[in-house]
Amino acid sequence: MNFKKENINTDILKESKMYLKNKNYISILELKKKKLKEKLLDIKKKNQVLLKNFNTKIYKKLELTYKFSLEKIILSILPILDSLEIACKSIQNYPEYKEIYKKLLKNNIFFRDILLKNNIKIIEETNVLFDPLIHQAMFLKKTKHFKKNYVVEIIQKGYILHNRLLRAAMVSVSTN
């Protein structure tokens, strides 16, 4: 075989250039691969944060839904409780209705226990400072037995479910 030195050198030079070109191309591809990997990891982290936030929101919504699922039912029962209390008050001083009074009182206590077991607070305290967030003033009452702006009488009880007001207590408020 007759190889010329010139041809060999030219071929080696071509091969070297090709090799360098391919090496540069590989380096560029490896750099792109590294950047894509970093981008993918960044997207993965962001998705994990988004998923965690989503799960937290869903959990909170479920918790609130569970906590306040009784709200509509309790609101529909409140007129019945009011009627029971009015009936008890109106016949408690009549001896001839003693048995009826006992049964009404028993039902009233039964309902009250159900409310308390379900985290419902009853607003029924007198001689406390009037709070417009939980009390609805129906009228003012002049009295020397209470400090000014204190609840003198509960006209209709109020109810709170897990710190959410279901119904404000209707009250009379003291003046001097």
N, C-alpha and C. Protein backbone atom coordinates (compact mmCIF):
# COMPACT_ATOMS: atom_id res chain seq x y z
N MET A 1 0.83 -1.17 0.00
CA MET A 1 0.00 0.00 0.00
C MET A 1 0.87 1.23 0.00
N ASN A 2 0.36 2.13 -0.69
CA ASN A 2 1.14 3.34 -0.84
C ASN A 2 0.38 4.51 -0.20
N PHE A 3 0.77 4.78 0.98
CA PHE A 3 0.15 5.91 1.70
C PHE A 3 1.09 7.09 1.63
N LYS A 4 0.50 8.15 1.37
CA LYS A 4 1.32 9.34 1.37
C LYS A 4 1.24 9.97 2.74
N LYS A 5 2.33 10.50 3.15
CA LYS A 5 2.40 11.14 4.45
C LYS A 5 1.45 12.32 4.53
N GLU A 6 1.32 13.01 3.47
CA GLU A 6 0.44 14.17 3.40
C GLU A 6 -1.01 13.78 3.62
N ASN A 7 -1.44 12.73 2.97
CA ASN A 7 -2.81 12.25 3.10
C ASN A 7 -3.10 11.80 4.54
N ILE A 8 -2.13 11.16 5.12
CA ILE A 8 -2.28 10.68 6.49
C ILE A 8 -2.41 11.88 7.43
N ASN A 9 -1.56 12.84 7.25
CA ASN A 9 -1.63 14.05 8.09
C ASN A 9 -2.96 14.77 7.92
N THR A 10 -3.43 14.85 6.71
CA THR A 10 -4.71 15.50 6.43
C THR A 10 -5.84 14.72 7.08
N ASP A 11 -5.76 13.41 6.98
CA ASP A 11 -6.79 12.56 7.59
C ASP A 11 -6.76 12.69 9.12
N ILE A 12 -5.57 12.73 9.66
CA ILE A 12 -5.43 12.87 11.12
C ILE A 12 -5.97 14.22 11.56
N LEU A 13 -5.66 15.23 10.79
CA LEU A 13 -6.16 16.57 11.09
C LEU A 13 -7.69 16.62 11.01
N LYS A 14 -8.22 16.00 10.00
CA LYS A 14 -9.69 15.94 9.85
C LYS A 14 -10.31 15.20 11.03
N GLU A 15 -9.69 14.07 11.35
CA GLU A 15 -10.19 13.26 12.46
C GLU A 15 -10.09 14.02 13.78
N SER A 16 -9.02 14.74 13.95
CA SER A 16 -8.83 15.54 15.17
C SER A 16 -9.89 16.63 15.28
N LYS A 17 -10.12 17.29 14.15
CA LYS A 17 -11.16 18.33 14.14
C LYS A 17 -12.53 17.73 14.43
N MET A 18 -12.77 16.60 13.82
CA MET A 18 -14.05 15.92 14.02
C MET A 18 -14.20 15.49 15.48
N TYR A 19 -13.08 14.99 16.01
CA TYR A 19 -13.08 14.57 17.41
C TYR A 19 -13.35 15.77 18.34
N LEU A 20 -12.69 16.86 18.11
CA LEU A 20 -12.89 18.07 18.92
C LEU A 20 -14.31 18.60 18.77
N LYS A 21 -14.78 18.56 17.55
CA LYS A 21 -16.15 19.01 17.29
C LYS A 21 -17.14 18.13 18.05
N ASN A 22 -16.95 16.82 17.97
CA ASN A 22 -17.82 15.88 18.69
C ASN A 22 -17.67 16.03 20.21
N LYS A 23 -16.43 16.27 20.65
CA LYS A 23 -16.18 16.45 22.08
C LYS A 23 -16.91 17.71 22.58
N ASN A 24 -16.83 18.78 21.81
CA ASN A 24 -17.56 20.01 22.16
C ASN A 24 -19.07 19.77 22.16
N TYR A 25 -19.52 19.05 21.16
CA TYR A 25 -20.95 18.74 21.06
C TYR A 25 -21.39 17.92 22.28
N ILE A 26 -20.59 16.94 22.66
CA ILE A 26 -20.88 16.11 23.84
C ILE A 26 -20.88 16.96 25.10
N SER A 27 -19.93 17.86 25.20
CA SER A 27 -19.87 18.76 26.37
C SER A 27 -21.12 19.62 26.44
N ILE A 28 -21.52 20.13 25.29
CA ILE A 28 -22.75 20.96 25.24
C ILE A 28 -23.96 20.13 25.64
N LEU A 29 -24.03 18.90 25.14
CA LEU A 29 -25.15 18.01 25.48
C LEU A 29 -25.14 17.66 26.97
N GLU A 30 -23.96 17.42 27.51
CA GLU A 30 -23.87 17.11 28.94
C GLU A 30 -24.29 18.31 29.79
N LEU A 31 -23.92 19.50 29.36
CA LEU A 31 -24.33 20.72 30.06
C LEU A 31 -25.85 20.89 29.99
N LYS A 32 -26.42 20.66 28.81
CA LYS A 32 -27.88 20.73 28.65
C LYS A 32 -28.56 19.69 29.53
N LYS A 33 -27.98 18.49 29.56
CA LYS A 33 -28.51 17.40 30.39
C LYS A 33 -28.50 17.81 31.86
N LYS A 34 -27.39 18.41 32.29
CA LYS A 34 -27.26 18.84 33.69
C LYS A 34 -28.31 19.91 34.01
N LYS A 35 -28.48 20.87 33.10
CA LYS A 35 -29.46 21.94 33.30
C LYS A 35 -30.88 21.38 33.34
N LEU A 36 -31.16 20.45 32.45
CA LEU A 36 -32.49 19.82 32.43
C LEU A 36 -32.75 19.03 33.71
N LYS A 37 -31.72 18.36 34.20
CA LYS A 37 -31.83 17.60 35.45
C LYS A 37 -32.13 18.55 36.61
N GLU A 38 -31.41 19.67 36.65
CA GLU A 38 -31.63 20.67 37.70
C GLU A 38 -33.06 21.24 37.60
N LYS A 39 -33.47 21.52 36.38
CA LYS A 39 -34.81 22.05 36.16
C LYS A 39 -35.87 21.04 36.61
N LEU A 40 -35.64 19.78 36.27
CA LEU A 40 -36.55 18.72 36.67
C LEU A 40 -36.63 18.59 38.19
N LEU A 41 -35.48 18.66 38.87
CA LEU A 41 -35.47 18.60 40.33
C LEU A 41 -36.20 19.81 40.93
N ASP A 42 -36.00 20.96 40.33
CA ASP A 42 -36.68 22.18 40.79
C ASP A 42 -38.20 22.03 40.63
N ILE A 43 -38.62 21.53 39.50
CA ILE A 43 -40.06 21.30 39.25
C ILE A 43 -40.61 20.28 40.25
N LYS A 44 -39.83 19.25 40.51
CA LYS A 44 -40.24 18.21 41.46
C LYS A 44 -40.43 18.82 42.85
N LYS A 45 -39.47 19.66 43.29
CA LYS A 45 -39.58 20.31 44.60
C LYS A 45 -40.81 21.22 44.65
N LYS A 46 -41.02 22.00 43.59
CA LYS A 46 -42.18 22.90 43.54
C LYS A 46 -43.48 22.10 43.61
N ASN A 47 -43.53 20.99 42.88
CA ASN A 47 -44.73 20.14 42.90
C ASN A 47 -44.96 19.53 44.28
N GLN A 48 -43.88 19.16 44.95
CA GLN A 48 -44.02 18.61 46.31
C GLN A 48 -44.58 19.67 47.25
N VAL A 49 -44.11 20.91 47.12
CA VAL A 49 -44.62 22.01 47.95
C VAL A 49 -46.09 22.26 47.62
N LEU A 50 -46.41 22.30 46.32
CA LEU A 50 -47.80 22.51 45.91
C LEU A 50 -48.71 21.40 46.42
N LEU A 51 -48.24 20.17 46.34
CA LEU A 51 -49.03 19.03 46.82
C LEU A 51 -49.23 19.11 48.33
N LYS A 52 -48.19 19.47 49.04
CA LYS A 52 -48.29 19.61 50.49
C LYS A 52 -49.29 20.71 50.86
N ASN A 53 -49.20 21.86 50.17
CA ASN A 53 -50.14 22.96 50.41
C ASN A 53 -51.57 22.55 50.07
N PHE A 54 -51.72 21.83 48.97
CA PHE A 54 -53.04 21.36 48.57
C PHE A 54 -53.62 20.42 49.63
N ASN A 55 -52.79 19.48 50.09
CA ASN A 55 -53.24 18.54 51.13
C ASN A 55 -53.62 19.28 52.41
N THR A 56 -52.84 20.29 52.77
CA THR A 56 -53.13 21.07 53.97
C THR A 56 -54.48 21.80 53.81
N LYS A 57 -54.68 22.41 52.64
CA LYS A 57 -55.95 23.12 52.40
C LYS A 57 -57.13 22.16 52.45
N ILE A 58 -56.98 21.02 51.82
CA ILE A 58 -58.07 20.03 51.80
C ILE A 58 -58.36 19.54 53.21
N TYR A 59 -57.30 19.28 53.98
CA TYR A 59 -57.48 18.81 55.34
C TYR A 59 -58.21 19.86 56.17
N LYS A 60 -57.82 21.12 56.02
CA LYS A 60 -58.48 22.20 56.76
C LYS A 60 -59.95 22.33 56.36
N LYS A 61 -60.22 22.22 55.05
CA LYS A 61 -61.61 22.30 54.59
C LYS A 61 -62.44 21.14 55.14
N LEU A 62 -61.86 19.96 55.12
CA LEU A 62 -62.57 18.80 55.66
C LEU A 62 -62.83 18.97 57.16
N GLU A 63 -61.82 19.48 57.86
CA GLU A 63 -61.96 19.70 59.29
C GLU A 63 -63.06 20.72 59.59
N LEU A 64 -63.08 21.82 58.81
CA LEU A 64 -64.12 22.83 59.00
C LEU A 64 -65.50 22.27 58.65
N THR A 65 -65.56 21.51 57.58
CA THR A 65 -66.83 20.91 57.18
C THR A 65 -67.34 19.98 58.28
N TYR A 66 -66.43 19.18 58.82
CA TYR A 66 -66.82 18.27 59.91
C TYR A 66 -67.25 19.05 61.14
N LYS A 67 -66.46 20.06 61.50
CA LYS A 67 -66.75 20.85 62.70
C LYS A 67 -68.13 21.52 62.63
N PHE A 68 -68.44 22.05 61.47
CA PHE A 68 -69.66 22.84 61.35
C PHE A 68 -70.79 22.11 60.60
N SER A 69 -70.67 20.81 60.47
CA SER A 69 -71.70 20.05 59.78
C SER A 69 -73.03 20.07 60.54
N LEU A 70 -72.96 20.28 61.85
CA LEU A 70 -74.18 20.32 62.67
C LEU A 70 -74.90 21.66 62.64
N GLU A 71 -74.27 22.66 62.07
CA GLU A 71 -74.81 24.03 62.15
C GLU A 71 -76.26 24.13 61.70
N LYS A 72 -76.60 23.63 60.52
CA LYS A 72 -77.97 23.75 60.01
C LYS A 72 -78.97 22.98 60.88
N ILE A 73 -78.55 21.80 61.33
CA ILE A 73 -79.43 20.98 62.16
C ILE A 73 -79.71 21.70 63.48
N ILE A 74 -78.65 22.21 64.11
CA ILE A 74 -78.82 22.91 65.39
C ILE A 74 -79.70 24.14 65.22
N LEU A 75 -79.47 24.90 64.15
CA LEU A 75 -80.30 26.09 63.91
C LEU A 75 -81.78 25.72 63.74
N SER A 76 -82.04 24.57 63.15
CA SER A 76 -83.44 24.16 62.98
C SER A 76 -84.06 23.65 64.29
N ILE A 77 -83.23 23.22 65.24
CA ILE A 77 -83.72 22.72 66.53
C ILE A 77 -83.92 23.85 67.54
N LEU A 78 -83.24 24.96 67.38
CA LEU A 78 -83.30 26.05 68.35
C LEU A 78 -84.72 26.54 68.67
N PRO A 79 -85.61 26.68 67.70
CA PRO A 79 -86.98 27.09 68.05
C PRO A 79 -87.68 26.08 68.97
N ILE A 80 -87.38 24.80 68.81
CA ILE A 80 -87.96 23.77 69.67
C ILE A 80 -87.45 23.96 71.10
N LEU A 81 -86.12 24.19 71.23
CA LEU A 81 -85.54 24.43 72.55
C LEU A 81 -86.15 25.67 73.20
N ASP A 82 -86.32 26.73 72.41
CA ASP A 82 -86.94 27.96 72.92
C ASP A 82 -88.35 27.68 73.44
N SER A 83 -89.10 26.91 72.67
CA SER A 83 -90.48 26.58 73.07
C SER A 83 -90.50 25.76 74.36
N LEU A 84 -89.59 24.80 74.48
CA LEU A 84 -89.50 24.00 75.70
C LEU A 84 -89.20 24.89 76.91
N GLU A 85 -88.28 25.82 76.76
CA GLU A 85 -87.92 26.71 77.86
C GLU A 85 -89.08 27.63 78.25
N ILE A 86 -89.76 28.15 77.25
CA ILE A 86 -90.91 29.02 77.53
C ILE A 86 -92.00 28.23 78.25
N ALA A 87 -92.23 27.00 77.78
CA ALA A 87 -93.24 26.15 78.43
C ALA A 87 -92.86 25.86 79.88
N CYS A 88 -91.60 25.55 80.11
CA CYS A 88 -91.13 25.28 81.48
C CYS A 88 -91.33 26.49 82.38
N LYS A 89 -90.94 27.65 81.89
CA LYS A 89 -91.06 28.88 82.69
C LYS A 89 -92.53 29.21 82.99
N SER A 90 -93.38 28.98 82.01
CA SER A 90 -94.78 29.38 82.19
C SER A 90 -95.57 28.47 83.13
N ILE A 91 -95.14 27.20 83.30
CA ILE A 91 -95.92 26.31 84.19
C ILE A 91 -95.17 25.91 85.46
N GLN A 92 -93.96 26.39 85.66
CA GLN A 92 -93.17 25.93 86.81
C GLN A 92 -93.78 26.28 88.16
N ASN A 93 -94.59 27.31 88.24
CA ASN A 93 -95.17 27.73 89.53
C ASN A 93 -96.60 27.22 89.75
N TYR A 94 -97.05 26.33 88.87
CA TYR A 94 -98.40 25.79 89.01
C TYR A 94 -98.32 24.33 89.46
N PRO A 95 -98.74 24.05 90.70
CA PRO A 95 -98.64 22.68 91.23
C PRO A 95 -99.42 21.64 90.41
N GLU A 96 -100.52 22.06 89.79
CA GLU A 96 -101.33 21.08 89.04
C GLU A 96 -100.63 20.59 87.77
N TYR A 97 -99.58 21.31 87.33
CA TYR A 97 -98.82 20.92 86.13
C TYR A 97 -97.42 20.38 86.49
N LYS A 98 -97.29 19.94 87.72
CA LYS A 98 -95.99 19.49 88.23
C LYS A 98 -95.39 18.36 87.38
N GLU A 99 -96.19 17.37 87.02
CA GLU A 99 -95.71 16.23 86.23
C GLU A 99 -95.32 16.67 84.81
N ILE A 100 -96.12 17.50 84.22
CA ILE A 100 -95.79 18.01 82.87
C ILE A 100 -94.49 18.82 82.94
N TYR A 101 -94.37 19.64 83.97
CA TYR A 101 -93.17 20.46 84.16
C TYR A 101 -91.92 19.57 84.27
N LYS A 102 -92.01 18.49 85.04
CA LYS A 102 -90.87 17.57 85.20
C LYS A 102 -90.46 16.96 83.86
N LYS A 103 -91.46 16.56 83.07
CA LYS A 103 -91.17 15.95 81.76
C LYS A 103 -90.57 16.96 80.79
N LEU A 104 -91.10 18.18 80.80
CA LEU A 104 -90.54 19.22 79.94
C LEU A 104 -89.10 19.54 80.35
N LEU A 105 -88.89 19.63 81.65
CA LEU A 105 -87.55 19.92 82.17
C LEU A 105 -86.57 18.80 81.80
N LYS A 106 -87.04 17.56 81.89
CA LYS A 106 -86.21 16.41 81.52
C LYS A 106 -85.81 16.50 80.04
N ASN A 107 -86.76 16.83 79.17
CA ASN A 107 -86.47 16.99 77.73
C ASN A 107 -85.50 18.14 77.50
N ASN A 108 -85.70 19.22 78.23
CA ASN A 108 -84.83 20.39 78.11
C ASN A 108 -83.39 20.02 78.49
N ILE A 109 -83.23 19.29 79.57
CA ILE A 109 -81.91 18.84 80.03
C ILE A 109 -81.29 17.89 79.00
N PHE A 110 -82.11 17.02 78.45
CA PHE A 110 -81.64 16.08 77.42
C PHE A 110 -81.06 16.84 76.22
N PHE A 111 -81.80 17.84 75.72
CA PHE A 111 -81.33 18.64 74.58
C PHE A 111 -80.06 19.41 74.94
N ARG A 112 -80.04 19.96 76.13
CA ARG A 112 -78.88 20.73 76.59
C ARG A 112 -77.63 19.84 76.61
N ASP A 113 -77.76 18.62 77.10
CA ASP A 113 -76.63 17.68 77.13
C ASP A 113 -76.13 17.37 75.71
N ILE A 114 -77.06 17.21 74.79
CA ILE A 114 -76.68 16.96 73.39
C ILE A 114 -75.87 18.13 72.85
N LEU A 115 -76.33 19.34 73.13
CA LEU A 115 -75.61 20.53 72.66
C LEU A 115 -74.20 20.57 73.24
N LEU A 116 -74.08 20.37 74.52
CA LEU A 116 -72.78 20.44 75.18
C LEU A 116 -71.83 19.34 74.67
N LYS A 117 -72.34 18.15 74.41
CA LYS A 117 -71.52 17.05 73.90
C LYS A 117 -71.00 17.33 72.49
N ASN A 118 -71.72 18.20 71.78
CA ASN A 118 -71.34 18.53 70.40
C ASN A 118 -70.64 19.89 70.30
N ASN A 119 -70.00 20.29 71.39
CA ASN A 119 -69.19 21.52 71.43
C ASN A 119 -69.98 22.79 71.14
N ILE A 120 -71.21 22.81 71.60
CA ILE A 120 -72.03 24.00 71.45
C ILE A 120 -72.13 24.67 72.81
N LYS A 121 -71.67 25.91 72.84
CA LYS A 121 -71.69 26.69 74.08
C LYS A 121 -72.99 27.49 74.11
N ILE A 122 -73.62 27.50 75.27
CA ILE A 122 -74.87 28.23 75.43
C ILE A 122 -74.57 29.58 76.07
N ILE A 123 -75.04 30.64 75.45
CA ILE A 123 -74.84 31.99 75.98
C ILE A 123 -76.06 32.30 76.84
N GLU A 124 -75.88 32.22 78.16
CA GLU A 124 -77.01 32.41 79.06
C GLU A 124 -76.62 33.11 80.37
N GLU A 125 -75.42 33.62 80.43
CA GLU A 125 -74.94 34.25 81.66
C GLU A 125 -75.47 35.67 81.80
N THR A 126 -75.87 35.99 83.04
CA THR A 126 -76.23 37.36 83.36
C THR A 126 -75.12 37.95 84.22
N ASN A 127 -75.18 39.24 84.44
CA ASN A 127 -74.19 39.98 85.22
C ASN A 127 -72.78 39.84 84.60
N VAL A 128 -72.75 39.84 83.25
CA VAL A 128 -71.49 39.88 82.51
C VAL A 128 -71.53 41.13 81.62
N LEU A 129 -70.37 41.63 81.27
CA LEU A 129 -70.29 42.81 80.42
C LEU A 129 -70.94 42.52 79.07
N PHE A 130 -71.76 43.45 78.60
CA PHE A 130 -72.42 43.31 77.31
C PHE A 130 -71.35 43.22 76.21
N ASP A 131 -71.46 42.19 75.38
CA ASP A 131 -70.52 41.98 74.27
C ASP A 131 -71.32 41.95 72.97
N PRO A 132 -71.19 42.98 72.13
CA PRO A 132 -71.98 43.03 70.90
C PRO A 132 -71.68 41.89 69.92
N LEU A 133 -70.59 41.17 70.15
CA LEU A 133 -70.26 40.05 69.27
C LEU A 133 -71.12 38.82 69.57
N ILE A 134 -71.64 38.74 70.80
CA ILE A 134 -72.45 37.56 71.15
C ILE A 134 -73.82 37.93 71.74
N HIS A 135 -74.01 39.21 72.05
CA HIS A 135 -75.29 39.66 72.62
C HIS A 135 -76.00 40.61 71.66
N GLN A 136 -77.31 40.53 71.69
CA GLN A 136 -78.14 41.48 70.94
C GLN A 136 -78.99 42.20 71.98
N ALA A 137 -78.75 43.50 72.15
CA ALA A 137 -79.48 44.27 73.15
C ALA A 137 -80.90 44.52 72.66
N MET A 138 -81.88 44.08 73.44
CA MET A 138 -83.28 44.28 73.07
C MET A 138 -83.84 45.54 73.73
N PHE A 139 -83.40 45.80 74.94
CA PHE A 139 -83.79 47.04 75.62
C PHE A 139 -82.86 47.33 76.78
N LEU A 140 -82.90 48.57 77.24
CA LEU A 140 -82.09 48.99 78.38
C LEU A 140 -82.96 48.95 79.62
N LYS A 141 -82.33 48.64 80.74
CA LYS A 141 -83.06 48.52 81.99
C LYS A 141 -82.32 49.29 83.07
N LYS A 142 -83.02 50.24 83.72
CA LYS A 142 -82.40 50.98 84.82
C LYS A 142 -82.39 50.09 86.05
N THR A 143 -81.19 49.93 86.62
CA THR A 143 -81.06 49.10 87.82
C THR A 143 -79.82 49.51 88.59
N LYS A 144 -79.91 49.35 89.89
CA LYS A 144 -78.76 49.65 90.75
C LYS A 144 -78.03 48.37 91.13
N HIS A 145 -78.59 47.22 90.76
CA HIS A 145 -78.01 45.93 91.14
C HIS A 145 -76.90 45.48 90.18
N PHE A 146 -76.80 46.11 89.03
CA PHE A 146 -75.79 45.73 88.03
C PHE A 146 -74.98 46.97 87.63
N LYS A 147 -73.74 46.74 87.25
CA LYS A 147 -72.92 47.82 86.71
C LYS A 147 -73.48 48.23 85.35
N LYS A 148 -73.11 49.41 84.91
CA LYS A 148 -73.57 49.91 83.62
C LYS A 148 -73.03 49.02 82.49
N ASN A 149 -73.87 48.76 81.50
CA ASN A 149 -73.55 47.94 80.31
C ASN A 149 -73.34 46.46 80.64
N TYR A 150 -74.00 45.98 81.68
CA TYR A 150 -73.95 44.55 82.02
C TYR A 150 -75.27 43.90 81.64
N VAL A 151 -75.20 42.61 81.33
CA VAL A 151 -76.40 41.86 80.96
C VAL A 151 -77.23 41.63 82.22
N VAL A 152 -78.47 42.12 82.18
CA VAL A 152 -79.38 41.98 83.31
C VAL A 152 -80.21 40.71 83.18
N GLU A 153 -80.69 40.47 81.97
CA GLU A 153 -81.62 39.36 81.75
C GLU A 153 -81.40 38.76 80.36
N ILE A 154 -81.53 37.45 80.30
CA ILE A 154 -81.47 36.75 79.01
C ILE A 154 -82.91 36.56 78.54
N ILE A 155 -83.24 37.16 77.43
CA ILE A 155 -84.58 37.02 76.88
C ILE A 155 -84.65 35.76 76.02
N GLN A 156 -83.61 35.55 75.24
CA GLN A 156 -83.50 34.33 74.43
C GLN A 156 -82.03 33.93 74.40
N LYS A 157 -81.75 32.67 74.69
CA LYS A 157 -80.37 32.20 74.77
C LYS A 157 -79.68 32.26 73.40
N GLY A 158 -78.38 32.42 73.45
CA GLY A 158 -77.58 32.39 72.23
C GLY A 158 -76.75 31.11 72.21
N TYR A 159 -76.18 30.82 71.05
CA TYR A 159 -75.42 29.57 70.91
C TYR A 159 -74.18 29.79 70.05
N ILE A 160 -73.09 29.14 70.45
CA ILE A 160 -71.82 29.21 69.73
C ILE A 160 -71.36 27.78 69.44
N LEU A 161 -71.02 27.52 68.18
CA LEU A 161 -70.51 26.20 67.76
C LEU A 161 -69.04 26.38 67.37
N HIS A 162 -68.12 25.77 68.12
CA HIS A 162 -66.68 25.87 67.84
C HIS A 162 -66.25 27.30 67.55
N ASN A 163 -66.57 28.20 68.42
CA ASN A 163 -66.21 29.62 68.30
C ASN A 163 -66.91 30.35 67.16
N ARG A 164 -67.89 29.74 66.54
CA ARG A 164 -68.69 30.42 65.50
C ARG A 164 -70.07 30.69 66.09
N LEU A 165 -70.47 31.94 66.06
CA LEU A 165 -71.77 32.31 66.60
C LEU A 165 -72.89 31.75 65.72
N LEU A 166 -73.76 30.95 66.34
CA LEU A 166 -74.93 30.44 65.61
C LEU A 166 -76.10 31.43 65.74
N ARG A 167 -76.26 31.91 67.00
CA ARG A 167 -77.31 32.87 67.24
C ARG A 167 -76.90 33.71 68.46
N ALA A 168 -77.04 35.02 68.33
CA ALA A 168 -76.72 35.93 69.43
C ALA A 168 -77.80 35.81 70.52
N ALA A 169 -77.38 35.99 71.74
CA ALA A 169 -78.34 35.98 72.86
C ALA A 169 -79.06 37.33 72.88
N MET A 170 -80.38 37.27 73.00
CA MET A 170 -81.17 38.51 73.14
C MET A 170 -81.20 38.85 74.61
N VAL A 171 -80.75 40.06 74.94
CA VAL A 171 -80.57 40.42 76.34
C VAL A 171 -81.11 41.83 76.64
N SER A 172 -81.31 42.06 77.95
CA SER A 172 -81.55 43.44 78.40
C SER A 172 -80.26 43.89 79.06
N VAL A 173 -79.96 45.18 78.90
CA VAL A 173 -78.68 45.72 79.37
C VAL A 173 -78.94 46.81 80.38
N SER A 174 -78.09 46.83 81.41
CA SER A 174 -78.26 47.78 82.51
C SER A 174 -77.80 49.19 82.16
N THR A 175 -78.50 50.15 82.72
CA THR A 175 -78.08 51.56 82.64
C THR A 175 -78.18 52.13 84.06
N ASN A 176 -77.60 53.28 84.28
CA ASN A 176 -77.70 53.92 85.61
C ASN A 176 -78.58 55.13 85.54
